[in-house]
Amino acid sequence: MTSSNNRESQYPIDKLFLDRWSPRAYSNETMPEADLLTILEAAHWAPSASNVQPWRFVYALRGSENWDKFQSLLIEFNQGWAKSAAALLFVVSRTHSGELGSAEQKPSYSHSFDAGTAWGFLAIQAHLAGYEAHGMGGFHVEKSYEVLGIPEGFRVETAVAIGKIGDRNQLPEKLRERETPNDRKPLSEVAFNGTFIAK
């Protein structure tokens, strides 16, 4: 199947998986909080081991009092382009199940996996709503715990920029050249029948 952005899948899938991508050129527009909450509503319906739902989202909208604070948590490279997004958020996961502070708490093996699933739902809903989301590992991890008030027992997983796609010419030349949807490795390099193959 071929998408509108010339990505091709080896097997037939819904074209939304090919059309969704992670741009860096955003439009400098604001977004209504209700639009972001709709995106987060979809994210929190992700599958979860034992329905623990370990994901948490901390967000700031462009123009809000927290915008600059959230921007400061990104590494300089990501600040350069994410400043044009409409929203910034951090995906956080709870590392234990059970009531907070109780002796009944148990480590959760799948907390990051579940939070990653919620991020995937978030990215798809953003696309369906006319936005695009770009996840980032490039943020100041230790500083994020302090600035966002994340206590022990939670892990900051990733930062995410969300917005409407803007003009790629606003990006530095090197990024302008890369501002196109990426392809993926062949499925045979990541999916193995019966035995794992280290590639």
N, C-alpha and C. Protein backbone atom coordinates (compact mmCIF):
# COMPACT_ATOMS: atom_id res chain seq x y z
N MET A 1 0.84 -1.18 0.00
CA MET A 1 0.00 0.00 0.00
C MET A 1 0.89 1.25 0.00
N THR A 2 0.49 2.27 -0.73
CA THR A 2 1.22 3.53 -0.79
C THR A 2 0.38 4.63 -0.19
N SER A 3 1.01 5.52 0.60
CA SER A 3 0.28 6.61 1.25
C SER A 3 0.41 7.89 0.44
N SER A 4 -0.26 8.94 0.92
CA SER A 4 -0.20 10.24 0.25
C SER A 4 1.19 10.86 0.35
N ASN A 5 2.02 10.40 1.28
CA ASN A 5 3.38 10.93 1.40
C ASN A 5 4.42 9.96 0.83
N ASN A 6 3.95 9.03 -0.02
CA ASN A 6 4.82 8.09 -0.75
C ASN A 6 5.48 7.02 0.11
N ARG A 7 5.04 6.85 1.33
CA ARG A 7 5.50 5.71 2.11
C ARG A 7 4.79 4.46 1.60
N GLU A 8 5.48 3.33 1.66
CA GLU A 8 4.88 2.08 1.20
C GLU A 8 5.02 1.01 2.25
N SER A 9 3.95 0.25 2.46
CA SER A 9 4.02 -0.91 3.36
C SER A 9 4.11 -2.18 2.52
N GLN A 10 4.73 -3.21 3.08
CA GLN A 10 4.84 -4.48 2.39
C GLN A 10 3.53 -5.26 2.42
N TYR A 11 2.73 -5.03 3.45
CA TYR A 11 1.47 -5.74 3.62
C TYR A 11 0.36 -4.70 3.77
N PRO A 12 -0.87 -5.07 3.46
CA PRO A 12 -1.96 -4.09 3.48
C PRO A 12 -2.31 -3.65 4.91
N ILE A 13 -2.17 -2.36 5.17
CA ILE A 13 -2.52 -1.77 6.46
C ILE A 13 -3.33 -0.50 6.19
N ASP A 14 -4.00 0.01 7.20
CA ASP A 14 -4.73 1.26 7.04
C ASP A 14 -3.75 2.38 6.73
N LYS A 15 -4.11 3.23 5.78
CA LYS A 15 -3.16 4.26 5.35
C LYS A 15 -2.84 5.29 6.43
N LEU A 16 -3.63 5.37 7.48
CA LEU A 16 -3.32 6.34 8.53
C LEU A 16 -1.98 6.03 9.18
N PHE A 17 -1.57 4.76 9.20
CA PHE A 17 -0.28 4.40 9.79
C PHE A 17 0.88 4.91 8.93
N LEU A 18 0.65 5.03 7.64
CA LEU A 18 1.67 5.54 6.73
C LEU A 18 1.62 7.06 6.67
N ASP A 19 0.43 7.63 6.75
CA ASP A 19 0.27 9.09 6.66
C ASP A 19 0.79 9.80 7.91
N ARG A 20 0.67 9.16 9.08
CA ARG A 20 1.15 9.78 10.33
C ARG A 20 2.67 9.83 10.32
N TRP A 21 3.22 10.97 10.73
CA TRP A 21 4.67 11.08 10.84
C TRP A 21 5.02 12.11 11.90
N SER A 22 6.31 12.35 12.11
CA SER A 22 6.78 13.23 13.18
C SER A 22 7.54 14.42 12.60
N PRO A 23 6.81 15.48 12.25
CA PRO A 23 7.48 16.65 11.66
C PRO A 23 8.21 17.48 12.72
N ARG A 24 9.05 18.39 12.24
CA ARG A 24 9.68 19.38 13.12
C ARG A 24 9.21 20.78 12.79
N ALA A 25 8.68 20.98 11.60
CA ALA A 25 8.19 22.31 11.21
C ALA A 25 6.73 22.42 11.62
N TYR A 26 6.50 23.22 12.66
CA TYR A 26 5.13 23.46 13.12
C TYR A 26 4.72 24.89 12.76
N SER A 27 3.42 25.16 12.86
CA SER A 27 2.85 26.38 12.29
C SER A 27 2.84 27.59 13.21
N ASN A 28 3.36 27.47 14.43
CA ASN A 28 3.33 28.57 15.41
C ASN A 28 1.91 28.90 15.88
N GLU A 29 0.96 28.04 15.59
CA GLU A 29 -0.43 28.29 16.01
C GLU A 29 -0.65 27.77 17.43
N THR A 30 -1.64 28.34 18.09
CA THR A 30 -2.10 27.79 19.36
C THR A 30 -3.13 26.70 19.06
N MET A 31 -3.46 25.93 20.08
CA MET A 31 -4.53 24.94 19.93
C MET A 31 -5.45 25.04 21.14
N PRO A 32 -6.75 24.84 20.95
CA PRO A 32 -7.66 24.84 22.10
C PRO A 32 -7.30 23.70 23.05
N GLU A 33 -7.40 23.96 24.33
CA GLU A 33 -7.11 22.90 25.30
C GLU A 33 -8.01 21.69 25.07
N ALA A 34 -9.24 21.92 24.62
CA ALA A 34 -10.16 20.81 24.36
C ALA A 34 -9.60 19.87 23.29
N ASP A 35 -8.90 20.41 22.29
CA ASP A 35 -8.30 19.55 21.26
C ASP A 35 -7.22 18.66 21.87
N LEU A 36 -6.39 19.24 22.74
CA LEU A 36 -5.35 18.45 23.39
C LEU A 36 -5.97 17.40 24.31
N LEU A 37 -7.00 17.77 25.03
CA LEU A 37 -7.65 16.81 25.93
C LEU A 37 -8.32 15.68 25.16
N THR A 38 -8.80 15.96 23.96
CA THR A 38 -9.34 14.89 23.12
C THR A 38 -8.24 13.91 22.73
N ILE A 39 -7.07 14.44 22.39
CA ILE A 39 -5.92 13.60 22.04
C ILE A 39 -5.51 12.75 23.25
N LEU A 40 -5.49 13.36 24.43
CA LEU A 40 -5.12 12.63 25.64
C LEU A 40 -6.20 11.63 26.05
N GLU A 41 -7.45 11.95 25.74
CA GLU A 41 -8.55 11.02 26.01
C GLU A 41 -8.31 9.71 25.25
N ALA A 42 -7.93 9.83 23.99
CA ALA A 42 -7.65 8.62 23.19
C ALA A 42 -6.46 7.87 23.78
N ALA A 43 -5.42 8.61 24.19
CA ALA A 43 -4.21 7.99 24.74
C ALA A 43 -4.53 7.17 25.98
N HIS A 44 -5.41 7.67 26.80
CA HIS A 44 -5.64 6.95 28.06
C HIS A 44 -6.58 5.76 27.92
N TRP A 45 -7.04 5.50 26.69
CA TRP A 45 -7.80 4.28 26.42
C TRP A 45 -6.90 3.18 25.87
N ALA A 46 -5.59 3.36 25.95
CA ALA A 46 -4.66 2.34 25.48
C ALA A 46 -4.78 1.06 26.31
N PRO A 47 -4.41 -0.09 25.74
CA PRO A 47 -4.37 -1.33 26.52
C PRO A 47 -3.38 -1.21 27.67
N SER A 48 -3.65 -1.92 28.75
CA SER A 48 -2.79 -1.84 29.93
C SER A 48 -2.78 -3.18 30.65
N ALA A 49 -1.58 -3.64 31.02
CA ALA A 49 -1.47 -4.89 31.78
C ALA A 49 -2.24 -4.78 33.08
N SER A 50 -3.17 -5.70 33.30
CA SER A 50 -4.02 -5.73 34.50
C SER A 50 -4.79 -4.42 34.71
N ASN A 51 -4.94 -3.65 33.64
CA ASN A 51 -5.65 -2.36 33.68
C ASN A 51 -5.06 -1.40 34.71
N VAL A 52 -3.75 -1.46 34.91
CA VAL A 52 -3.08 -0.58 35.88
C VAL A 52 -3.03 0.86 35.39
N GLN A 53 -2.98 1.05 34.07
CA GLN A 53 -2.95 2.39 33.46
C GLN A 53 -1.85 3.27 34.08
N PRO A 54 -0.58 2.91 33.89
CA PRO A 54 0.49 3.62 34.56
C PRO A 54 0.86 4.96 33.93
N TRP A 55 0.29 5.29 32.79
CA TRP A 55 0.66 6.52 32.09
C TRP A 55 0.10 7.76 32.78
N ARG A 56 0.89 8.82 32.72
CA ARG A 56 0.48 10.15 33.18
C ARG A 56 0.99 11.15 32.15
N PHE A 57 0.29 12.27 31.99
CA PHE A 57 0.68 13.29 31.02
C PHE A 57 0.73 14.65 31.72
N VAL A 58 1.81 15.36 31.54
CA VAL A 58 1.94 16.72 32.07
C VAL A 58 2.13 17.62 30.86
N TYR A 59 1.29 18.64 30.71
CA TYR A 59 1.32 19.41 29.46
C TYR A 59 1.32 20.91 29.68
N ALA A 60 1.75 21.60 28.64
CA ALA A 60 1.68 23.07 28.59
C ALA A 60 1.29 23.47 27.18
N LEU A 61 0.40 24.43 27.08
CA LEU A 61 -0.03 24.96 25.78
C LEU A 61 0.76 26.22 25.43
N ARG A 62 1.00 26.41 24.14
CA ARG A 62 1.67 27.61 23.66
C ARG A 62 0.96 28.85 24.22
N GLY A 63 1.73 29.79 24.74
CA GLY A 63 1.17 31.01 25.29
C GLY A 63 0.76 30.93 26.74
N SER A 64 0.84 29.73 27.34
CA SER A 64 0.45 29.59 28.74
C SER A 64 1.64 29.95 29.64
N GLU A 65 1.37 30.11 30.93
CA GLU A 65 2.42 30.48 31.88
C GLU A 65 3.49 29.41 32.01
N ASN A 66 3.19 28.17 31.65
CA ASN A 66 4.16 27.08 31.78
C ASN A 66 4.96 26.80 30.51
N TRP A 67 4.64 27.48 29.42
CA TRP A 67 5.26 27.18 28.12
C TRP A 67 6.78 27.28 28.18
N ASP A 68 7.31 28.40 28.67
CA ASP A 68 8.76 28.59 28.71
C ASP A 68 9.44 27.56 29.62
N LYS A 69 8.78 27.22 30.70
CA LYS A 69 9.32 26.21 31.62
C LYS A 69 9.46 24.87 30.92
N PHE A 70 8.44 24.48 30.16
CA PHE A 70 8.50 23.21 29.43
C PHE A 70 9.56 23.27 28.34
N GLN A 71 9.66 24.39 27.64
CA GLN A 71 10.68 24.56 26.61
C GLN A 71 12.08 24.37 27.19
N SER A 72 12.30 24.91 28.40
CA SER A 72 13.63 24.85 29.02
C SER A 72 14.06 23.43 29.34
N LEU A 73 13.12 22.49 29.38
CA LEU A 73 13.46 21.11 29.70
C LEU A 73 13.99 20.34 28.49
N LEU A 74 13.80 20.90 27.29
CA LEU A 74 14.29 20.25 26.08
C LEU A 74 15.76 20.60 25.86
N ILE A 75 16.49 19.69 25.22
CA ILE A 75 17.86 20.04 24.86
C ILE A 75 17.80 21.16 23.82
N GLU A 76 18.89 21.88 23.67
CA GLU A 76 18.92 23.06 22.80
C GLU A 76 18.47 22.74 21.38
N PHE A 77 18.93 21.63 20.83
CA PHE A 77 18.54 21.25 19.46
C PHE A 77 17.02 21.17 19.33
N ASN A 78 16.36 20.51 20.28
CA ASN A 78 14.90 20.36 20.20
C ASN A 78 14.17 21.66 20.52
N GLN A 79 14.73 22.49 21.37
CA GLN A 79 14.12 23.80 21.63
C GLN A 79 14.01 24.60 20.33
N GLY A 80 15.03 24.45 19.47
CA GLY A 80 15.10 25.23 18.24
C GLY A 80 13.90 25.05 17.33
N TRP A 81 13.35 23.85 17.28
CA TRP A 81 12.19 23.63 16.40
C TRP A 81 10.88 23.46 17.18
N ALA A 82 10.94 22.90 18.39
CA ALA A 82 9.71 22.65 19.15
C ALA A 82 9.04 23.94 19.62
N LYS A 83 9.76 25.05 19.59
CA LYS A 83 9.17 26.33 19.99
C LYS A 83 7.99 26.71 19.09
N SER A 84 7.89 26.10 17.90
CA SER A 84 6.80 26.41 16.97
C SER A 84 5.58 25.51 17.16
N ALA A 85 5.66 24.56 18.08
CA ALA A 85 4.54 23.64 18.32
C ALA A 85 3.43 24.34 19.10
N ALA A 86 2.29 23.71 19.15
CA ALA A 86 1.14 24.26 19.87
C ALA A 86 1.06 23.76 21.30
N ALA A 87 1.67 22.60 21.56
CA ALA A 87 1.65 22.03 22.91
C ALA A 87 2.92 21.21 23.12
N LEU A 88 3.37 21.20 24.36
CA LEU A 88 4.46 20.32 24.78
C LEU A 88 3.95 19.50 25.94
N LEU A 89 4.32 18.23 25.94
CA LEU A 89 3.91 17.42 27.07
C LEU A 89 4.98 16.39 27.38
N PHE A 90 4.91 15.86 28.58
CA PHE A 90 5.81 14.80 29.01
C PHE A 90 4.96 13.59 29.37
N VAL A 91 5.39 12.44 28.87
CA VAL A 91 4.74 11.18 29.21
C VAL A 91 5.51 10.59 30.38
N VAL A 92 4.77 10.29 31.44
CA VAL A 92 5.35 9.77 32.69
C VAL A 92 4.67 8.44 32.98
N SER A 93 5.43 7.48 33.51
CA SER A 93 4.80 6.21 33.90
C SER A 93 5.02 5.95 35.38
N ARG A 94 4.06 5.29 35.98
CA ARG A 94 4.18 4.88 37.38
C ARG A 94 4.89 3.54 37.40
N THR A 95 5.95 3.43 38.19
CA THR A 95 6.81 2.24 38.15
C THR A 95 6.30 1.09 39.01
N HIS A 96 5.28 1.33 39.84
CA HIS A 96 4.75 0.30 40.73
C HIS A 96 3.22 0.25 40.62
N SER A 97 2.65 -0.87 40.96
CA SER A 97 1.20 -0.98 41.08
C SER A 97 0.84 -0.99 42.56
N GLY A 98 -0.44 -0.83 42.85
CA GLY A 98 -0.87 -0.77 44.25
C GLY A 98 -1.01 0.67 44.71
N GLU A 99 -1.61 0.85 45.87
CA GLU A 99 -1.86 2.19 46.39
C GLU A 99 -0.55 2.90 46.70
N LEU A 100 -0.45 4.15 46.27
CA LEU A 100 0.77 4.93 46.51
C LEU A 100 1.11 4.95 48.00
N GLY A 101 2.37 4.68 48.31
CA GLY A 101 2.83 4.74 49.69
C GLY A 101 2.53 3.52 50.53
N SER A 102 1.78 2.57 49.98
CA SER A 102 1.42 1.40 50.79
C SER A 102 2.47 0.31 50.65
N ALA A 103 2.47 -0.61 51.59
CA ALA A 103 3.38 -1.75 51.55
C ALA A 103 2.96 -2.75 50.49
N GLU A 104 1.77 -2.55 49.94
CA GLU A 104 1.23 -3.46 48.92
C GLU A 104 1.77 -3.15 47.53
N GLN A 105 2.51 -2.06 47.39
CA GLN A 105 3.03 -1.70 46.08
C GLN A 105 3.98 -2.77 45.55
N LYS A 106 3.89 -3.05 44.25
CA LYS A 106 4.77 -4.03 43.63
C LYS A 106 5.36 -3.40 42.36
N PRO A 107 6.63 -3.69 42.07
CA PRO A 107 7.21 -3.16 40.83
C PRO A 107 6.41 -3.63 39.62
N SER A 108 6.22 -2.73 38.68
CA SER A 108 5.50 -3.05 37.44
C SER A 108 6.52 -3.28 36.33
N TYR A 109 6.56 -4.49 35.81
CA TYR A 109 7.52 -4.81 34.75
C TYR A 109 7.19 -4.07 33.45
N SER A 110 5.90 -3.82 33.20
CA SER A 110 5.48 -3.32 31.89
C SER A 110 5.09 -1.83 31.89
N HIS A 111 5.46 -1.08 32.91
CA HIS A 111 5.01 0.32 32.98
C HIS A 111 5.46 1.14 31.78
N SER A 112 6.71 0.97 31.34
CA SER A 112 7.19 1.73 30.19
C SER A 112 6.52 1.25 28.90
N PHE A 113 6.33 -0.05 28.78
CA PHE A 113 5.64 -0.62 27.62
C PHE A 113 4.23 -0.04 27.50
N ASP A 114 3.51 -0.03 28.62
CA ASP A 114 2.14 0.48 28.61
C ASP A 114 2.11 1.98 28.29
N ALA A 115 3.03 2.74 28.87
CA ALA A 115 3.08 4.18 28.59
C ALA A 115 3.42 4.42 27.12
N GLY A 116 4.27 3.56 26.56
CA GLY A 116 4.59 3.67 25.14
C GLY A 116 3.38 3.39 24.26
N THR A 117 2.55 2.47 24.68
CA THR A 117 1.32 2.19 23.94
C THR A 117 0.41 3.41 23.97
N ALA A 118 0.31 4.05 25.13
CA ALA A 118 -0.51 5.27 25.24
C ALA A 118 0.04 6.36 24.33
N TRP A 119 1.38 6.48 24.25
CA TRP A 119 1.99 7.46 23.34
C TRP A 119 1.59 7.15 21.90
N GLY A 120 1.56 5.87 21.52
CA GLY A 120 1.17 5.50 20.17
C GLY A 120 -0.27 5.91 19.87
N PHE A 121 -1.16 5.68 20.82
CA PHE A 121 -2.55 6.10 20.64
C PHE A 121 -2.63 7.62 20.52
N LEU A 122 -1.85 8.31 21.33
CA LEU A 122 -1.81 9.78 21.30
C LEU A 122 -1.40 10.26 19.91
N ALA A 123 -0.34 9.67 19.34
CA ALA A 123 0.17 10.09 18.04
C ALA A 123 -0.87 9.87 16.94
N ILE A 124 -1.58 8.75 17.02
CA ILE A 124 -2.59 8.46 16.00
C ILE A 124 -3.78 9.41 16.14
N GLN A 125 -4.24 9.67 17.37
CA GLN A 125 -5.37 10.58 17.55
C GLN A 125 -4.99 12.00 17.14
N ALA A 126 -3.76 12.41 17.43
CA ALA A 126 -3.32 13.74 16.99
C ALA A 126 -3.43 13.85 15.47
N HIS A 127 -2.96 12.83 14.77
CA HIS A 127 -3.04 12.83 13.31
C HIS A 127 -4.49 12.90 12.84
N LEU A 128 -5.36 12.10 13.44
CA LEU A 128 -6.77 12.09 13.06
C LEU A 128 -7.44 13.44 13.31
N ALA A 129 -6.91 14.19 14.29
CA ALA A 129 -7.50 15.49 14.64
C ALA A 129 -6.87 16.65 13.84
N GLY A 130 -5.98 16.33 12.89
CA GLY A 130 -5.39 17.39 12.07
C GLY A 130 -4.10 17.95 12.61
N TYR A 131 -3.54 17.30 13.62
CA TYR A 131 -2.25 17.69 14.20
C TYR A 131 -1.25 16.57 13.93
N GLU A 132 0.01 16.82 14.29
CA GLU A 132 1.01 15.75 14.29
C GLU A 132 1.80 15.85 15.58
N ALA A 133 2.23 14.70 16.10
CA ALA A 133 2.99 14.63 17.35
C ALA A 133 4.39 14.12 17.07
N HIS A 134 5.36 14.69 17.76
CA HIS A 134 6.76 14.28 17.60
C HIS A 134 7.33 13.97 18.99
N GLY A 135 7.63 12.69 19.23
CA GLY A 135 8.22 12.29 20.50
C GLY A 135 9.71 12.57 20.52
N MET A 136 10.23 12.91 21.71
CA MET A 136 11.64 13.29 21.84
C MET A 136 12.27 12.64 23.07
N GLY A 137 13.43 12.03 22.86
CA GLY A 137 14.23 11.57 23.99
C GLY A 137 15.21 12.65 24.42
N GLY A 138 15.33 13.70 23.63
CA GLY A 138 16.28 14.77 23.90
C GLY A 138 15.73 15.82 24.85
N PHE A 139 15.77 15.50 26.14
CA PHE A 139 15.36 16.46 27.16
C PHE A 139 16.22 16.24 28.39
N HIS A 140 16.23 17.23 29.27
CA HIS A 140 17.05 17.17 30.49
C HIS A 140 16.31 16.32 31.52
N VAL A 141 16.69 15.06 31.59
CA VAL A 141 15.94 14.08 32.38
C VAL A 141 15.87 14.48 33.85
N GLU A 142 17.02 14.66 34.50
CA GLU A 142 17.02 14.97 35.93
C GLU A 142 16.27 16.26 36.23
N LYS A 143 16.49 17.26 35.40
CA LYS A 143 15.82 18.56 35.60
C LYS A 143 14.30 18.41 35.46
N SER A 144 13.86 17.51 34.59
CA SER A 144 12.42 17.35 34.38
C SER A 144 11.71 16.87 35.65
N TYR A 145 12.36 15.99 36.42
CA TYR A 145 11.75 15.52 37.67
C TYR A 145 11.53 16.69 38.63
N GLU A 146 12.55 17.53 38.72
CA GLU A 146 12.48 18.67 39.65
C GLU A 146 11.45 19.70 39.19
N VAL A 147 11.54 20.11 37.93
CA VAL A 147 10.68 21.19 37.42
C VAL A 147 9.21 20.77 37.35
N LEU A 148 8.97 19.53 36.98
CA LEU A 148 7.58 19.06 36.84
C LEU A 148 7.02 18.49 38.14
N GLY A 149 7.85 18.38 39.17
CA GLY A 149 7.38 17.87 40.45
C GLY A 149 7.07 16.38 40.42
N ILE A 150 7.89 15.60 39.70
CA ILE A 150 7.66 14.16 39.57
C ILE A 150 8.29 13.45 40.78
N PRO A 151 7.50 12.78 41.60
CA PRO A 151 8.06 12.13 42.79
C PRO A 151 8.66 10.76 42.49
N GLU A 152 9.28 10.19 43.49
CA GLU A 152 9.82 8.83 43.40
C GLU A 152 8.67 7.88 43.09
N GLY A 153 8.96 6.86 42.30
CA GLY A 153 7.93 5.91 41.93
C GLY A 153 7.33 6.19 40.56
N PHE A 154 7.83 7.23 39.90
CA PHE A 154 7.39 7.57 38.55
C PHE A 154 8.61 7.77 37.67
N ARG A 155 8.47 7.47 36.39
CA ARG A 155 9.58 7.63 35.43
C ARG A 155 9.14 8.54 34.30
N VAL A 156 9.93 9.58 34.03
CA VAL A 156 9.67 10.44 32.88
C VAL A 156 10.16 9.69 31.64
N GLU A 157 9.24 9.37 30.74
CA GLU A 157 9.55 8.53 29.59
C GLU A 157 10.02 9.33 28.38
N THR A 158 9.29 10.37 28.03
CA THR A 158 9.61 11.12 26.81
C THR A 158 8.92 12.47 26.83
N ALA A 159 9.41 13.36 25.98
CA ALA A 159 8.76 14.64 25.73
C ALA A 159 8.06 14.54 24.38
N VAL A 160 6.99 15.30 24.19
CA VAL A 160 6.24 15.27 22.94
C VAL A 160 5.85 16.69 22.55
N ALA A 161 6.08 17.03 21.28
CA ALA A 161 5.59 18.28 20.71
C ALA A 161 4.39 17.94 19.83
N ILE A 162 3.36 18.77 19.89
CA ILE A 162 2.16 18.57 19.08
C ILE A 162 1.80 19.90 18.41
N GLY A 163 1.41 19.84 17.17
CA GLY A 163 0.96 21.04 16.48
C GLY A 163 0.55 20.73 15.06
N LYS A 164 0.16 21.78 14.35
CA LYS A 164 -0.16 21.64 12.93
C LYS A 164 1.11 21.84 12.12
N ILE A 165 1.22 21.10 11.05
CA ILE A 165 2.42 21.18 10.22
C ILE A 165 2.57 22.58 9.63
N GLY A 166 3.81 23.10 9.70
CA GLY A 166 4.11 24.43 9.18
C GLY A 166 5.05 24.37 8.00
N ASP A 167 5.59 25.50 7.65
CA ASP A 167 6.48 25.65 6.50
C ASP A 167 7.87 25.12 6.84
N ARG A 168 8.35 24.16 6.09
CA ARG A 168 9.68 23.59 6.35
C ARG A 168 10.79 24.61 6.18
N ASN A 169 10.53 25.70 5.46
CA ASN A 169 11.57 26.72 5.24
C ASN A 169 11.92 27.49 6.50
N GLN A 170 11.12 27.36 7.55
CA GLN A 170 11.44 28.02 8.81
C GLN A 170 12.54 27.28 9.57
N LEU A 171 12.84 26.05 9.15
CA LEU A 171 13.86 25.24 9.80
C LEU A 171 15.24 25.57 9.27
N PRO A 172 16.30 25.32 10.07
CA PRO A 172 17.66 25.44 9.55
C PRO A 172 17.83 24.50 8.35
N GLU A 173 18.74 24.83 7.46
CA GLU A 173 18.88 24.11 6.20
C GLU A 173 19.04 22.60 6.39
N LYS A 174 19.87 22.18 7.35
CA LYS A 174 20.08 20.74 7.56
C LYS A 174 18.79 20.03 7.94
N LEU A 175 17.97 20.68 8.77
CA LEU A 175 16.71 20.06 9.16
C LEU A 175 15.69 20.12 8.02
N ARG A 176 15.75 21.15 7.22
CA ARG A 176 14.84 21.30 6.10
C ARG A 176 14.94 20.08 5.17
N GLU A 177 16.17 19.65 4.94
CA GLU A 177 16.41 18.50 4.05
C GLU A 177 15.82 17.22 4.63
N ARG A 178 15.75 17.14 5.95
CA ARG A 178 15.26 15.92 6.62
C ARG A 178 13.76 15.99 6.89
N GLU A 179 13.10 17.08 6.56
CA GLU A 179 11.69 17.27 6.92
C GLU A 179 10.78 16.53 5.95
N THR A 180 10.83 15.21 6.06
CA THR A 180 10.01 14.34 5.24
C THR A 180 9.76 13.06 6.02
N PRO A 181 8.64 12.40 5.81
CA PRO A 181 8.38 11.15 6.54
C PRO A 181 9.46 10.11 6.29
N ASN A 182 9.93 9.47 7.34
CA ASN A 182 10.94 8.43 7.23
C ASN A 182 10.32 7.11 6.78
N ASP A 183 11.14 6.28 6.13
CA ASP A 183 10.73 4.92 5.82
C ASP A 183 11.00 4.04 7.04
N ARG A 184 10.71 2.78 6.92
CA ARG A 184 10.98 1.82 7.98
C ARG A 184 11.82 0.68 7.41
N LYS A 185 12.50 -0.02 8.30
CA LYS A 185 13.24 -1.22 7.91
C LYS A 185 12.24 -2.24 7.35
N PRO A 186 12.71 -3.17 6.53
CA PRO A 186 11.82 -4.26 6.09
C PRO A 186 11.30 -5.03 7.31
N LEU A 187 10.08 -5.48 7.23
CA LEU A 187 9.47 -6.22 8.34
C LEU A 187 10.32 -7.42 8.73
N SER A 188 10.98 -8.03 7.77
CA SER A 188 11.80 -9.23 8.04
C SER A 188 12.98 -8.94 8.94
N GLU A 189 13.34 -7.67 9.11
CA GLU A 189 14.45 -7.31 10.01
C GLU A 189 14.01 -7.12 11.45
N VAL A 190 12.71 -7.09 11.68
CA VAL A 190 12.23 -6.85 13.04
C VAL A 190 11.23 -7.90 13.53
N ALA A 191 10.74 -8.77 12.63
CA ALA A 191 9.76 -9.79 13.02
C ALA A 191 10.29 -11.16 12.61
N PHE A 192 10.38 -12.11 13.57
CA PHE A 192 11.01 -13.39 13.33
C PHE A 192 10.08 -14.54 13.72
N ASN A 193 10.00 -15.51 12.86
CA ASN A 193 9.14 -16.67 13.10
C ASN A 193 9.91 -17.72 13.91
N GLY A 194 9.56 -17.86 15.18
CA GLY A 194 10.08 -18.95 16.00
C GLY A 194 11.33 -18.67 16.81
N THR A 195 12.30 -17.96 16.25
CA THR A 195 13.57 -17.72 16.95
C THR A 195 14.02 -16.28 16.74
N PHE A 196 14.43 -15.66 17.82
CA PHE A 196 14.91 -14.28 17.72
C PHE A 196 16.22 -14.23 16.95
N ILE A 197 16.38 -13.19 16.13
CA ILE A 197 17.61 -12.97 15.39
C ILE A 197 18.14 -11.58 15.75
N ALA A 198 19.34 -11.51 16.29
CA ALA A 198 19.92 -10.22 16.68
C ALA A 198 20.42 -9.52 15.43
N LYS A 199 19.80 -8.39 15.11
CA LYS A 199 20.20 -7.61 13.93
C LYS A 199 20.43 -6.17 14.33
